[in-house]
C-alpha atoms as a PDB file:
ATOM      1  CA  MET A   1       7.764  -4.764  -8.696  1.00  0.00           C
ATOM      2  CA  GLY A   2       6.655  -7.472  -6.295  1.00  0.00           C
ATOM      3  CA  GLY A   3       3.208  -8.822  -6.898  1.00  0.00           C
ATOM      4  CA  CYS A   4       0.514  -9.772  -4.421  1.00  0.00           C
ATOM      5  CA  PHE A   5      -0.169 -13.387  -3.721  1.00  0.00           C
ATOM      6  CA  PRO A   6      -2.189 -15.619  -1.447  1.00  0.00           C
ATOM      7  CA  CYS A   7       0.684 -16.782   0.800  1.00  0.00           C
ATOM      8  CA  PHE A   8      -1.157 -19.836   2.100  1.00  0.00           C
ATOM      9  CA  GLY A   9      -4.754 -20.976   2.122  1.00  0.00           C
ATOM     10  CA  SER A  10      -6.265 -19.974   5.446  1.00  0.00           C
ATOM     11  CA  SER A  11      -8.452 -22.478   7.217  1.00  0.00           C
ATOM     12  CA  ASN A  12     -10.891 -19.667   7.904  1.00  0.00           C
ATOM     13  CA  ASN A  13     -11.800 -17.869   4.729  1.00  0.00           C
ATOM     14  CA  LYS A  14     -14.382 -15.536   6.168  1.00  0.00           C
ATOM     15  CA  GLU A  15     -13.078 -11.998   6.329  1.00  0.00           C
ATOM     16  CA  GLY A  16     -14.218  -9.948   9.262  1.00  0.00           C
ATOM     17  CA  SER A  17     -14.591  -6.281   8.416  1.00  0.00           C
ATOM     18  CA  GLY A  18     -14.490  -5.336  12.049  1.00  0.00           C
ATOM     19  CA  GLY A  19     -17.834  -3.546  11.763  1.00  0.00           C
ATOM     20  CA  GLY A  20     -18.408   0.089  11.084  1.00  0.00           C
ATOM     21  CA  GLY A  21     -16.661   2.195   8.518  1.00  0.00           C
ATOM     22  CA  VAL A  22     -13.448   4.116   8.258  1.00  0.00           C
ATOM     23  CA  LYS A  23     -13.323   7.623   9.560  1.00  0.00           C
ATOM     24  CA  GLU A  24     -10.672   9.830  11.055  1.00  0.00           C
ATOM     25  CA  VAL A  25     -11.395  10.735  14.652  1.00  0.00           C
ATOM     26  CA  ASN A  26      -9.652  12.486  17.467  1.00  0.00           C
ATOM     27  CA  LYS A  27      -9.813  10.611  20.734  1.00  0.00           C
ATOM     28  CA  LYS A  28     -11.801  13.387  22.411  1.00  0.00           C
ATOM     29  CA  ASP A  29     -14.061  14.341  19.534  1.00  0.00           C
ATOM     30  CA  SER A  30     -17.603  13.105  19.085  1.00  0.00           C
ATOM     31  CA  VAL A  31     -18.713  11.575  15.793  1.00  0.00           C
ATOM     32  CA  LYS A  32     -21.202  13.548  13.749  1.00  0.00           C
ATOM     33  CA  ASP A  33     -24.292  11.920  12.291  1.00  0.00           C
ATOM     34  CA  GLY A  34     -23.034  12.512   8.750  1.00  0.00           C
ATOM     35  CA  SER A  35     -19.864  10.583   9.479  1.00  0.00           C
ATOM     36  CA  ILE A  36     -21.877   7.695  10.834  1.00  0.00           C
ATOM     37  CA  ALA A  37     -24.005   7.524   7.705  1.00  0.00           C
ATOM     38  CA  GLN A  38     -20.855   7.618   5.602  1.00  0.00           C
ATOM     39  CA  SER A  39     -19.233   4.871   7.626  1.00  0.00           C
ATOM     40  CA  HIS A  40     -22.239   2.566   7.182  1.00  0.00           C
ATOM     41  CA  HIS A  41     -21.862   2.914   3.396  1.00  0.00           C
ATOM     42  CA  VAL A  42     -18.188   1.999   3.587  1.00  0.00           C
ATOM     43  CA  SER A  43     -18.961  -0.914   5.868  1.00  0.00           C
ATOM     44  CA  ARG A  44     -21.468  -2.354   3.384  1.00  0.00           C
ATOM     45  CA  VAL A  45     -19.018  -2.207   0.484  1.00  0.00           C
ATOM     46  CA  ILE A  46     -16.106  -3.680   2.428  1.00  0.00           C
ATOM     47  CA  SER A  47     -18.387  -6.334   3.902  1.00  0.00           C
ATOM     48  CA  ASP A  48     -19.301  -7.307   0.321  1.00  0.00           C
ATOM     49  CA  LYS A  49     -15.592  -7.561  -0.427  1.00  0.00           C
ATOM     50  CA  SER A  50     -15.078  -9.779   2.604  1.00  0.00           C
ATOM     51  CA  LYS A  51     -17.698 -12.278   1.530  1.00  0.00           C
ATOM     52  CA  SER A  52     -15.986 -12.739  -1.837  1.00  0.00           C
ATOM     53  CA  ARG A  53     -12.727 -14.079  -0.416  1.00  0.00           C
ATOM     54  CA  GLY A  54     -14.005 -17.435   0.751  1.00  0.00           C
ATOM     55  CA  GLY A  55     -15.244 -18.546  -2.655  1.00  0.00           C
ATOM     56  CA  SER A  56     -17.927 -16.219  -3.931  1.00  0.00           C
ATOM     57  CA  ASP A  57     -21.146 -17.286  -5.573  1.00  0.00           C
ATOM     58  CA  PRO A  58     -21.109 -16.107  -9.226  1.00  0.00           C
ATOM     59  CA  LYS A  59     -24.842 -15.438  -9.011  1.00  0.00           C
ATOM     60  CA  LYS A  60     -24.210 -12.881  -6.270  1.00  0.00           C
ATOM     61  CA  GLU A  61     -21.493 -11.005  -8.135  1.00  0.00           C
ATOM     62  CA  SER A  62     -24.007  -8.724  -9.804  1.00  0.00           C
ATOM     63  CA  ALA A  63     -25.120  -7.478  -6.398  1.00  0.00           C
ATOM     64  CA  VAL A  64     -21.779  -5.739  -5.880  1.00  0.00           C
ATOM     65  CA  PRO A  65     -21.814  -2.150  -7.133  1.00  0.00           C
ATOM     66  CA  LYS A  66     -19.509  -1.679 -10.099  1.00  0.00           C
ATOM     67  CA  GLU A  67     -18.475   1.800  -9.074  1.00  0.00           C
ATOM     68  CA  PRO A  68     -18.499   3.885  -5.895  1.00  0.00           C
ATOM     69  CA  THR A  69     -21.675   5.900  -5.529  1.00  0.00           C
ATOM     70  CA  ALA A  70     -22.372   7.956  -2.405  1.00  0.00           C
ATOM     71  CA  HIS A  71     -20.152   9.985  -0.092  1.00  0.00           C
ATOM     72  CA  ILE A  72     -17.072   9.843  -2.348  1.00  0.00           C
ATOM     73  CA  ALA A  73     -14.992  12.998  -2.427  1.00  0.00           C
ATOM     74  CA  ALA A  74     -12.843  11.843  -5.367  1.00  0.00           C
ATOM     75  CA  GLN A  75     -13.635  13.122  -8.860  1.00  0.00           C
ATOM     76  CA  THR A  76     -15.010  10.859 -11.562  1.00  0.00           C
ATOM     77  CA  PHE A  77     -13.317  10.817 -14.957  1.00  0.00           C
ATOM     78  CA  THR A  78     -14.329   9.364 -18.291  1.00  0.00           C
ATOM     79  CA  PHE A  79     -12.016   6.938 -20.026  1.00  0.00           C
ATOM     80  CA  LYS A  80     -11.598   9.447 -22.853  1.00  0.00           C
ATOM     81  CA  GLU A  81     -10.388  12.135 -20.418  1.00  0.00           C
ATOM     82  CA  LEU A  82      -7.714   9.852 -19.012  1.00  0.00           C
ATOM     83  CA  ALA A  83      -6.722   8.573 -22.457  1.00  0.00           C
ATOM     84  CA  ASN A  84      -6.154  12.179 -23.507  1.00  0.00           C
ATOM     85  CA  ALA A  85      -4.252  12.910 -20.293  1.00  0.00           C
ATOM     86  CA  THR A  86      -1.819  10.043 -20.921  1.00  0.00           C
ATOM     87  CA  LYS A  87      -1.518  10.503 -24.706  1.00  0.00           C
ATOM     88  CA  ASN A  88      -3.559   7.348 -25.265  1.00  0.00           C
ATOM     89  CA  PHE A  89      -1.472   5.403 -22.731  1.00  0.00           C
ATOM     90  CA  ARG A  90       1.656   5.606 -24.841  1.00  0.00           C
ATOM     91  CA  GLN A  91       4.796   3.752 -23.814  1.00  0.00           C
ATOM     92  CA  GLU A  92       6.614   7.053 -23.296  1.00  0.00           C
ATOM     93  CA  SER A  93       4.146   7.901 -20.520  1.00  0.00           C
ATOM     94  CA  LEU A  94       4.597   4.592 -18.700  1.00  0.00           C
ATOM     95  CA  LEU A  95       5.958   4.990 -15.146  1.00  0.00           C
ATOM     96  CA  GLY A  96       5.807   1.392 -13.992  1.00  0.00           C
ATOM     97  CA  GLU A  97       4.039  -1.935 -14.148  1.00  0.00           C
ATOM     98  CA  GLY A  98       2.994  -4.458 -11.513  1.00  0.00           C
ATOM     99  CA  GLY A  99       0.608  -7.296 -10.818  1.00  0.00           C
ATOM    100  CA  PHE A 100      -2.364  -4.928 -10.735  1.00  0.00           C
ATOM    101  CA  GLY A 101      -1.701  -3.089 -13.992  1.00  0.00           C
ATOM    102  CA  ARG A 102       0.257  -0.179 -15.412  1.00  0.00           C
ATOM    103  CA  VAL A 103       0.856   3.342 -14.106  1.00  0.00           C
ATOM    104  CA  TYR A 104       1.164   6.259 -16.529  1.00  0.00           C
ATOM    105  CA  LYS A 105       2.151   9.876 -16.123  1.00  0.00           C
ATOM    106  CA  GLY A 106      -0.465  12.264 -17.444  1.00  0.00           C
ATOM    107  CA  ARG A 107      -1.720  15.824 -17.422  1.00  0.00           C
ATOM    108  CA  LEU A 108      -5.392  16.620 -16.890  1.00  0.00           C
ATOM    109  CA  GLU A 109      -6.656  18.865 -19.672  1.00  0.00           C
ATOM    110  CA  SER A 110      -9.252  20.488 -17.414  1.00  0.00           C
ATOM    111  CA  THR A 111      -6.773  21.738 -14.788  1.00  0.00           C
ATOM    112  CA  GLY A 112      -3.302  21.146 -16.209  1.00  0.00           C
ATOM    113  CA  GLN A 113      -2.400  19.106 -13.129  1.00  0.00           C
ATOM    114  CA  VAL A 114       0.234  16.409 -13.570  1.00  0.00           C
ATOM    115  CA  VAL A 115      -1.069  13.072 -12.279  1.00  0.00           C
ATOM    116  CA  ALA A 116      -0.295   9.367 -12.114  1.00  0.00           C
ATOM    117  CA  VAL A 117      -2.960   7.161 -13.719  1.00  0.00           C
ATOM    118  CA  LYS A 118      -3.140   3.496 -12.731  1.00  0.00           C
ATOM    119  CA  GLN A 119      -4.930   1.411 -15.350  1.00  0.00           C
ATOM    120  CA  LEU A 120      -5.977  -1.862 -13.762  1.00  0.00           C
ATOM    121  CA  ASP A 121      -5.376  -4.999 -15.781  1.00  0.00           C
ATOM    122  CA  ARG A 122      -8.797  -6.512 -16.463  1.00  0.00           C
ATOM    123  CA  ASN A 123      -7.177  -9.948 -16.137  1.00  0.00           C
ATOM    124  CA  GLY A 124      -4.877  -8.939 -13.280  1.00  0.00           C
ATOM    125  CA  LEU A 125      -4.802  -9.453  -9.535  1.00  0.00           C
ATOM    126  CA  GLN A 126      -6.777  -6.376  -8.499  1.00  0.00           C
ATOM    127  CA  GLY A 127     -10.460  -6.932  -9.131  1.00  0.00           C
ATOM    128  CA  ASN A 128     -13.556  -4.805  -8.832  1.00  0.00           C
ATOM    129  CA  ARG A 129     -13.746  -5.220  -5.072  1.00  0.00           C
ATOM    130  CA  GLU A 130     -10.155  -4.144  -4.475  1.00  0.00           C
ATOM    131  CA  PHE A 131     -10.798  -1.152  -6.757  1.00  0.00           C
ATOM    132  CA  LEU A 132     -13.786  -0.177  -4.622  1.00  0.00           C
ATOM    133  CA  VAL A 133     -11.818  -0.558  -1.395  1.00  0.00           C
ATOM    134  CA  GLU A 134      -8.988   1.647  -2.628  1.00  0.00           C
ATOM    135  CA  VAL A 135     -11.352   4.416  -3.757  1.00  0.00           C
ATOM    136  CA  LEU A 136     -13.254   4.295  -0.477  1.00  0.00           C
ATOM    137  CA  MET A 137     -10.198   4.124   1.761  1.00  0.00           C
ATOM    138  CA  LEU A 138      -8.322   6.975   0.111  1.00  0.00           C
ATOM    139  CA  SER A 139     -11.476   9.092  -0.067  1.00  0.00           C
ATOM    140  CA  LEU A 140     -11.962   8.854   3.683  1.00  0.00           C
ATOM    141  CA  LEU A 141      -8.380   8.788   4.950  1.00  0.00           C
ATOM    142  CA  HIS A 142      -6.211  11.887   4.662  1.00  0.00           C
ATOM    143  CA  HIS A 143      -2.699  12.362   5.997  1.00  0.00           C
ATOM    144  CA  PRO A 144       0.530  13.976   4.723  1.00  0.00           C
ATOM    145  CA  ASN A 145       2.103  10.515   4.523  1.00  0.00           C
ATOM    146  CA  LEU A 146      -0.685   8.878   2.504  1.00  0.00           C
ATOM    147  CA  VAL A 147      -0.879   9.354  -1.263  1.00  0.00           C
ATOM    148  CA  ASN A 148      -3.725  11.599  -2.371  1.00  0.00           C
ATOM    149  CA  LEU A 149      -6.393  10.056  -4.603  1.00  0.00           C
ATOM    150  CA  ILE A 150      -7.660  12.642  -7.086  1.00  0.00           C
ATOM    151  CA  GLY A 151     -10.291  10.538  -8.805  1.00  0.00           C
ATOM    152  CA  TYR A 152     -11.278   7.365 -10.577  1.00  0.00           C
ATOM    153  CA  CYS A 153     -12.826   6.028 -13.774  1.00  0.00           C
ATOM    154  CA  ALA A 154     -15.319   3.174 -13.999  1.00  0.00           C
ATOM    155  CA  ASP A 155     -16.421   3.371 -17.644  1.00  0.00           C
ATOM    156  CA  GLY A 156     -17.709   0.001 -18.797  1.00  0.00           C
ATOM    157  CA  ASP A 157     -15.151  -2.595 -17.799  1.00  0.00           C
ATOM    158  CA  GLN A 158     -12.360  -0.027 -17.490  1.00  0.00           C
ATOM    159  CA  ARG A 159     -11.050   0.618 -13.970  1.00  0.00           C
ATOM    160  CA  LEU A 160      -8.575   3.462 -13.487  1.00  0.00           C
ATOM    161  CA  LEU A 161      -7.322   5.373 -10.455  1.00  0.00           C
ATOM    162  CA  VAL A 162      -5.893   8.896 -10.610  1.00  0.00           C
ATOM    163  CA  TYR A 163      -3.334   9.921  -7.974  1.00  0.00           C
ATOM    164  CA  GLU A 164      -1.179  12.928  -7.299  1.00  0.00           C
ATOM    165  CA  PHE A 165       2.097  12.561  -9.207  1.00  0.00           C
ATOM    166  CA  MET A 166       5.107  11.663  -7.064  1.00  0.00           C
ATOM    167  CA  PRO A 167       8.161  12.971  -8.930  1.00  0.00           C
ATOM    168  CA  LEU A 168      10.824  10.861  -7.211  1.00  0.00           C
ATOM    169  CA  GLY A 169       9.186   7.505  -7.840  1.00  0.00           C
ATOM    170  CA  SER A 170       9.236   4.746  -5.240  1.00  0.00           C
ATOM    171  CA  LEU A 171      11.632   3.969  -2.418  1.00  0.00           C
ATOM    172  CA  GLU A 172      12.530   0.769  -4.241  1.00  0.00           C
ATOM    173  CA  ASP A 173      13.844   2.862  -7.151  1.00  0.00           C
ATOM    174  CA  HIS A 174      16.355   4.522  -4.820  1.00  0.00           C
ATOM    175  CA  LEU A 175      17.457   1.430  -2.897  1.00  0.00           C
ATOM    176  CA  HIS A 176      17.972  -1.424  -5.324  1.00  0.00           C
ATOM    177  CA  ASP A 177      19.633  -2.036  -8.687  1.00  0.00           C
ATOM    178  CA  LEU A 178      20.969   1.498  -8.918  1.00  0.00           C
ATOM    179  CA  PRO A 179      22.798   2.508 -12.110  1.00  0.00           C
ATOM    180  CA  PRO A 180      26.536   3.144 -11.667  1.00  0.00           C
ATOM    181  CA  ASP A 181      26.126   6.920 -11.911  1.00  0.00           C
ATOM    182  CA  LYS A 182      23.435   7.133  -9.203  1.00  0.00           C
ATOM    183  CA  GLU A 183      24.462   7.849  -5.612  1.00  0.00           C
ATOM    184  CA  PRO A 184      22.759   5.818  -2.860  1.00  0.00           C
ATOM    185  CA  LEU A 185      20.507   7.658  -0.416  1.00  0.00           C
ATOM    186  CA  ASP A 186      22.375   9.282   2.459  1.00  0.00           C
ATOM    187  CA  TRP A 187      21.699   8.196   6.021  1.00  0.00           C
ATOM    188  CA  ASN A 188      19.593  11.200   7.042  1.00  0.00           C
ATOM    189  CA  THR A 189      17.335  10.779   3.998  1.00  0.00           C
ATOM    190  CA  ARG A 190      16.825   7.111   4.810  1.00  0.00           C
ATOM    191  CA  MET A 191      15.801   7.947   8.359  1.00  0.00           C
ATOM    192  CA  LYS A 192      13.499  10.716   7.096  1.00  0.00           C
ATOM    193  CA  ILE A 193      11.744   8.225   4.811  1.00  0.00           C
ATOM    194  CA  ALA A 194      11.453   5.661   7.600  1.00  0.00           C
ATOM    195  CA  ALA A 195       9.995   8.241   9.996  1.00  0.00           C
ATOM    196  CA  GLY A 196       7.460   9.465   7.433  1.00  0.00           C
ATOM    197  CA  ALA A 197       6.311   5.946   6.569  1.00  0.00           C
ATOM    198  CA  ALA A 198       5.961   5.196  10.278  1.00  0.00           C
ATOM    199  CA  LYS A 199       3.782   8.293  10.738  1.00  0.00           C
ATOM    200  CA  GLY A 200       1.510   7.162   7.921  1.00  0.00           C
ATOM    201  CA  LEU A 201       1.208   3.726   9.512  1.00  0.00           C
ATOM    202  CA  GLU A 202       0.556   5.250  12.924  1.00  0.00           C
ATOM    203  CA  TYR A 203      -2.280   7.306  11.435  1.00  0.00           C
ATOM    204  CA  LEU A 204      -3.908   4.186   9.983  1.00  0.00           C
ATOM    205  CA  HIS A 205      -3.598   2.315  13.285  1.00  0.00           C
ATOM    206  CA  ASP A 206      -4.355   5.039  15.833  1.00  0.00           C
ATOM    207  CA  LYS A 207      -6.363   7.794  14.140  1.00  0.00           C
ATOM    208  CA  ALA A 208      -8.665   5.851  11.828  1.00  0.00           C
ATOM    209  CA  ASN A 209     -11.659   4.344  13.585  1.00  0.00           C
ATOM    210  CA  PRO A 210     -11.823   1.407  13.230  1.00  0.00           C
ATOM    211  CA  PRO A 211      -8.114   1.022  12.533  1.00  0.00           C
ATOM    212  CA  VAL A 212      -6.961   0.169   9.025  1.00  0.00           C
ATOM    213  CA  ILE A 213      -4.449  -2.605   8.398  1.00  0.00           C
ATOM    214  CA  TYR A 214      -2.312  -1.854   5.365  1.00  0.00           C
ATOM    215  CA  ARG A 215      -1.585  -5.336   4.064  1.00  0.00           C
ATOM    216  CA  ASP A 216       0.903  -4.500   1.328  1.00  0.00           C
ATOM    217  CA  LEU A 217       3.577  -2.327   2.927  1.00  0.00           C
ATOM    218  CA  LYS A 218       6.791  -2.667   0.915  1.00  0.00           C
ATOM    219  CA  SER A 219       9.459  -0.422  -0.574  1.00  0.00           C
ATOM    220  CA  SER A 220       7.756  -0.253  -3.985  1.00  0.00           C
ATOM    221  CA  ASN A 221       4.563   1.062  -2.345  1.00  0.00           C
ATOM    222  CA  ILE A 222       6.304   3.925  -0.541  1.00  0.00           C
ATOM    223  CA  LEU A 223       6.274   6.802  -3.027  1.00  0.00           C
ATOM    224  CA  LEU A 224       8.524   9.852  -2.750  1.00  0.00           C
ATOM    225  CA  ASP A 225       7.514  13.464  -3.261  1.00  0.00           C
ATOM    226  CA  GLU A 226       9.874  16.435  -3.551  1.00  0.00           C
ATOM    227  CA  GLY A 227      12.480  16.424  -0.795  1.00  0.00           C
ATOM    228  CA  TYR A 228      12.054  12.643  -0.395  1.00  0.00           C
ATOM    229  CA  HIS A 229       8.787  13.082   1.484  1.00  0.00           C
ATOM    230  CA  PRO A 230       7.331   9.549   1.715  1.00  0.00           C
ATOM    231  CA  LYS A 231       3.696   8.569   1.148  1.00  0.00           C
ATOM    232  CA  LEU A 232       2.080   5.155   1.456  1.00  0.00           C
ATOM    233  CA  SER A 233       0.220   4.052  -1.679  1.00  0.00           C
ATOM    234  CA  ASP A 234      -1.811   1.143  -3.056  1.00  0.00           C
ATOM    235  CA  PHE A 235      -4.636   0.413  -0.609  1.00  0.00           C
ATOM    236  CA  GLY A 236      -6.467  -2.261  -2.603  1.00  0.00           C
ATOM    237  CA  LEU A 237      -5.645  -4.923  -0.004  1.00  0.00           C
ATOM    238  CA  ALA A 238      -6.285  -2.758   3.072  1.00  0.00           C
ATOM    239  CA  LYS A 239      -8.575  -4.242   5.731  1.00  0.00           C
ATOM    240  CA  LEU A 240     -10.493  -2.834   8.655  1.00  0.00           C
ATOM    241  CA  GLY A 241      -8.775  -3.936  11.845  1.00  0.00           C
ATOM    242  CA  PRO A 242     -10.228  -5.585  14.948  1.00  0.00           C
ATOM    243  CA  VAL A 243     -12.459  -3.530  17.250  1.00  0.00           C
ATOM    244  CA  GLY A 244     -13.724  -3.937  20.796  1.00  0.00           C
ATOM    245  CA  ASP A 245     -12.392  -7.044  22.504  1.00  0.00           C
ATOM    246  CA  LYS A 246     -11.377  -8.698  19.227  1.00  0.00           C
ATOM    247  CA  THR A 247      -7.654  -9.344  18.806  1.00  0.00           C
ATOM    248  CA  HIS A 248      -7.521 -10.086  15.096  1.00  0.00           C
ATOM    249  CA  VAL A 249      -9.385 -10.296  11.802  1.00  0.00           C
ATOM    250  CA  SER A 250      -9.544 -13.682  10.090  1.00  0.00           C
ATOM    251  CA  THR A 251      -8.919 -13.358   6.378  1.00  0.00           C
ATOM    252  CA  ARG A 252      -7.453 -15.036   3.352  1.00  0.00           C
ATOM    253  CA  VAL A 253      -3.714 -14.369   3.436  1.00  0.00           C
ATOM    254  CA  MET A 254      -2.612 -11.758   0.920  1.00  0.00           C
ATOM    255  CA  GLY A 255       0.618  -9.814   0.668  1.00  0.00           C
ATOM    256  CA  THR A 256       4.056  -9.827  -0.908  1.00  0.00           C
ATOM    257  CA  TYR A 257       6.576 -12.579  -0.277  1.00  0.00           C
ATOM    258  CA  GLY A 258       9.324 -11.384   2.038  1.00  0.00           C
ATOM    259  CA  TYR A 259       7.156  -8.737   3.706  1.00  0.00           C
ATOM    260  CA  CYS A 260       4.309 -10.930   4.978  1.00  0.00           C
ATOM    261  CA  ALA A 261       4.328 -11.535   8.756  1.00  0.00           C
ATOM    262  CA  PRO A 262       4.908 -15.281   9.400  1.00  0.00           C
ATOM    263  CA  GLU A 263       2.154 -15.648  12.019  1.00  0.00           C
ATOM    264  CA  TYR A 264      -0.337 -14.057   9.609  1.00  0.00           C
ATOM    265  CA  ALA A 265       0.854 -16.295   6.754  1.00  0.00           C
ATOM    266  CA  MET A 266       0.430 -19.421   8.892  1.00  0.00           C
ATOM    267  CA  THR A 267      -2.882 -18.655  10.591  1.00  0.00           C
ATOM    268  CA  GLY A 268      -4.704 -16.062   8.486  1.00  0.00           C
ATOM    269  CA  GLN A 269      -5.147 -13.983  11.639  1.00  0.00           C
ATOM    270  CA  LEU A 270      -4.488 -10.365  10.708  1.00  0.00           C
ATOM    271  CA  THR A 271      -3.523  -7.822  13.379  1.00  0.00           C
ATOM    272  CA  LEU A 272      -1.979  -4.370  13.469  1.00  0.00           C
ATOM    273  CA  LYS A 273       1.320  -6.077  14.240  1.00  0.00           C
ATOM    274  CA  SER A 274       1.192  -7.719  10.808  1.00  0.00           C
ATOM    275  CA  ALA A 275       1.714  -4.309   9.187  1.00  0.00           C
ATOM    276  CA  VAL A 276       4.367  -3.392  11.761  1.00  0.00           C
ATOM    277  CA  TYR A 277       6.303  -6.502  10.750  1.00  0.00           C
ATOM    278  CA  SER A 278       6.211  -5.376   7.113  1.00  0.00           C
ATOM    279  CA  PHE A 279       7.476  -1.964   8.183  1.00  0.00           C
ATOM    280  CA  GLY A 280      10.356  -3.704   9.961  1.00  0.00           C
ATOM    281  CA  VAL A 281      11.329  -5.421   6.705  1.00  0.00           C
ATOM    282  CA  VAL A 282      11.323  -2.062   4.897  1.00  0.00           C
ATOM    283  CA  PHE A 283      13.439  -0.592   7.686  1.00  0.00           C
ATOM    284  CA  LEU A 284      15.953  -3.411   7.260  1.00  0.00           C
ATOM    285  CA  GLU A 285      16.068  -2.618   3.540  1.00  0.00           C
ATOM    286  CA  LEU A 286      16.795   1.008   4.375  1.00  0.00           C
ATOM    287  CA  ILE A 287      19.676   0.312   6.755  1.00  0.00           C
ATOM    288  CA  THR A 288      21.268  -2.574   4.843  1.00  0.00           C
ATOM    289  CA  GLY A 289      20.601  -1.765   1.197  1.00  0.00           C
ATOM    290  CA  ARG A 290      19.528  -5.392   0.692  1.00  0.00           C
ATOM    291  CA  LYS A 291      16.298  -6.596  -0.921  1.00  0.00           C
ATOM    292  CA  ALA A 292      13.613  -8.344   1.124  1.00  0.00           C
ATOM    293  CA  ILE A 293      14.102 -11.374  -1.138  1.00  0.00           C
ATOM    294  CA  ASP A 294      17.250 -11.682  -3.239  1.00  0.00           C
ATOM    295  CA  ASN A 295      17.942 -15.027  -4.865  1.00  0.00           C
ATOM    296  CA  THR A 296      21.263 -13.775  -6.259  1.00  0.00           C
ATOM    297  CA  ARG A 297      22.730 -13.809  -2.745  1.00  0.00           C
ATOM    298  CA  ALA A 298      24.620 -16.710  -1.226  1.00  0.00           C
ATOM    299  CA  PRO A 299      22.636 -19.601   0.283  1.00  0.00           C
ATOM    300  CA  GLY A 300      21.188 -18.557   3.639  1.00  0.00           C
ATOM    301  CA  GLU A 301      21.063 -14.898   2.614  1.00  0.00           C
ATOM    302  CA  HIS A 302      18.116 -14.941   0.194  1.00  0.00           C
ATOM    303  CA  ASN A 303      15.608 -13.806   2.822  1.00  0.00           C
ATOM    304  CA  LEU A 304      16.559 -10.499   4.465  1.00  0.00           C
ATOM    305  CA  VAL A 305      14.842 -11.196   7.785  1.00  0.00           C
ATOM    306  CA  ALA A 306      16.291 -14.704   8.066  1.00  0.00           C
ATOM    307  CA  TRP A 307      19.757 -13.308   7.342  1.00  0.00           C
ATOM    308  CA  ALA A 308      19.433 -10.417   9.778  1.00  0.00           C
ATOM    309  CA  ARG A 309      17.828 -12.241  12.721  1.00  0.00           C
ATOM    310  CA  PRO A 310      21.085 -13.765  14.073  1.00  0.00           C
ATOM    311  CA  LEU A 311      22.763 -10.375  13.730  1.00  0.00           C
ATOM    312  CA  PHE A 312      20.326  -8.442  15.913  1.00  0.00           C
ATOM    313  CA  SER A 313      22.937  -6.882  18.116  1.00  0.00           C
ATOM    314  CA  TYR A 314      24.293  -3.416  17.460  1.00  0.00           C
ATOM    315  CA  CYS A 315      27.868  -4.364  16.616  1.00  0.00           C
ATOM    316  CA  LYS A 316      27.053  -7.330  14.393  1.00  0.00           C
ATOM    317  CA  VAL A 317      24.445  -5.461  12.371  1.00  0.00           C
ATOM    318  CA  ALA A 318      26.738  -2.455  11.940  1.00  0.00           C
ATOM    319  CA  ILE A 319      29.525  -4.700  10.656  1.00  0.00           C
ATOM    320  CA  GLN A 320      27.284  -6.582   8.199  1.00  0.00           C
ATOM    321  CA  CYS A 321      25.359  -3.659   6.672  1.00  0.00           C
ATOM    322  CA  GLU A 322      27.109  -2.801   3.416  1.00  0.00           C
ATOM    323  CA  ASP A 323      25.343   0.503   2.767  1.00  0.00           C
ATOM    324  CA  TYR A 324      25.654   1.483   6.430  1.00  0.00           C
ATOM    325  CA  ILE A 325      29.433   1.183   6.267  1.00  0.00           C
ATOM    326  CA  LYS A 326      29.592   3.316   3.106  1.00  0.00           C
ATOM    327  CA  LEU A 327      27.422   5.954   4.745  1.00  0.00           C
ATOM    328  CA  LEU A 328      29.567   6.052   7.866  1.00  0.00           C
ATOM    329  CA  GLN A 329      32.588   6.672   5.700  1.00  0.00           C
ATOM    330  CA  SER A 330      30.975   9.814   4.274  1.00  0.00           C
ATOM    331  CA  GLN A 331      29.245  11.269   7.348  1.00  0.00           C
ATOM    332  CA  PRO A 332      28.655  10.561  11.052  1.00  0.00           C
ATOM    333  CA  CYS A 333      25.674   8.453  12.040  1.00  0.00           C
ATOM    334  CA  VAL A 334      22.833  10.256  13.816  1.00  0.00           C
END
C-alpha cells in the first residue's frame, strides 16, 4: 500500500482551514443553529491541526485535545473491547498494513457486527491530529460512497478507528498483481467503480460546506462493498477547501507519489482540482490496468500519467491499454 509523504517542502507552511466547519447542506436550505455550533467545534480542532504543520511548538502540544469530545455521533470503544473483537489483533485477523498502521477484521461482541479496525501505529505517519480530523470528518459527512465510521478508541496512547467492513477489499486488490486464477474486473464493473468514486468526490466538493478536499485519493483508498459498490476511505489528510473569494488553501504538501497533482506539489496551493487530478490517475489505472507508479516497466513508462499524456487521443489510448484490449475481446465497450 502506498504511504503518505511530504512531496516537497512548501514555502508557505501555514495551513488555512478555510473557516467554519464541515456540514452537509442543500443549496436552498438554511443552516440550523445546532449545525453552526457543531461547525465551530470542528473548525477549532482542524485549525489546531493546521497550526501544527508549519513546525509546532512542543509546549503547545498539550493544548490539543487527545480525543474528540462534543458533537460526535460515532461510538466510543475501550481498547479491551476492540482487542476482544479482533482476537487480540491476531495475524489471522489482519486485513492489510500501510504507513498509518494495521487494519484488522473483527466482530463486536455487543452487536455481533463485523467491522474493520484500524490500529494506528504510535510511531507511524498518522498522528493525533490526523486521527481527530478523520473522526470529525466521517462523523459529519455521510454519503453512500463514503465509508461509514462506526466508532473510535482513544484509551491512553492507543488510537483506533472502527469502520464498516468492506468484504471485497480495495480497488487496488482487484487491479494489480492479480494471482493467475483471478479474473480481471470487467469493463462495466470498472466504470461502475469510477462513477461511484466520482459521486463521493462530488459530494465532498459540492455538498459539504465548506468543501472538503480529499488529499489521498488512490486505488488502495477506494474500498469495495458487495456488488463492487465503491466507498472512499481514509480521511486523515482531508482539508477544508477555500471559501468566498479564495482560490486555494496553502498547506504543507502531503499525498501519495504518483497521485499528487504537480501544481500542488510545486506550490503547496491546494484546490478542489488537486483531488480531481488524483481521480484522473485512478481512472487511468482502471482503463489501462497499469499502476500509478511501476518501476518494473520500461524506461519512460514508470509514471502512468507521463506515459499516458502523449497518448491522449482515442485511438492511441485504445491501442495501448492492455486491459482494455482484453475486455474488448470478451464484450463490447459501453
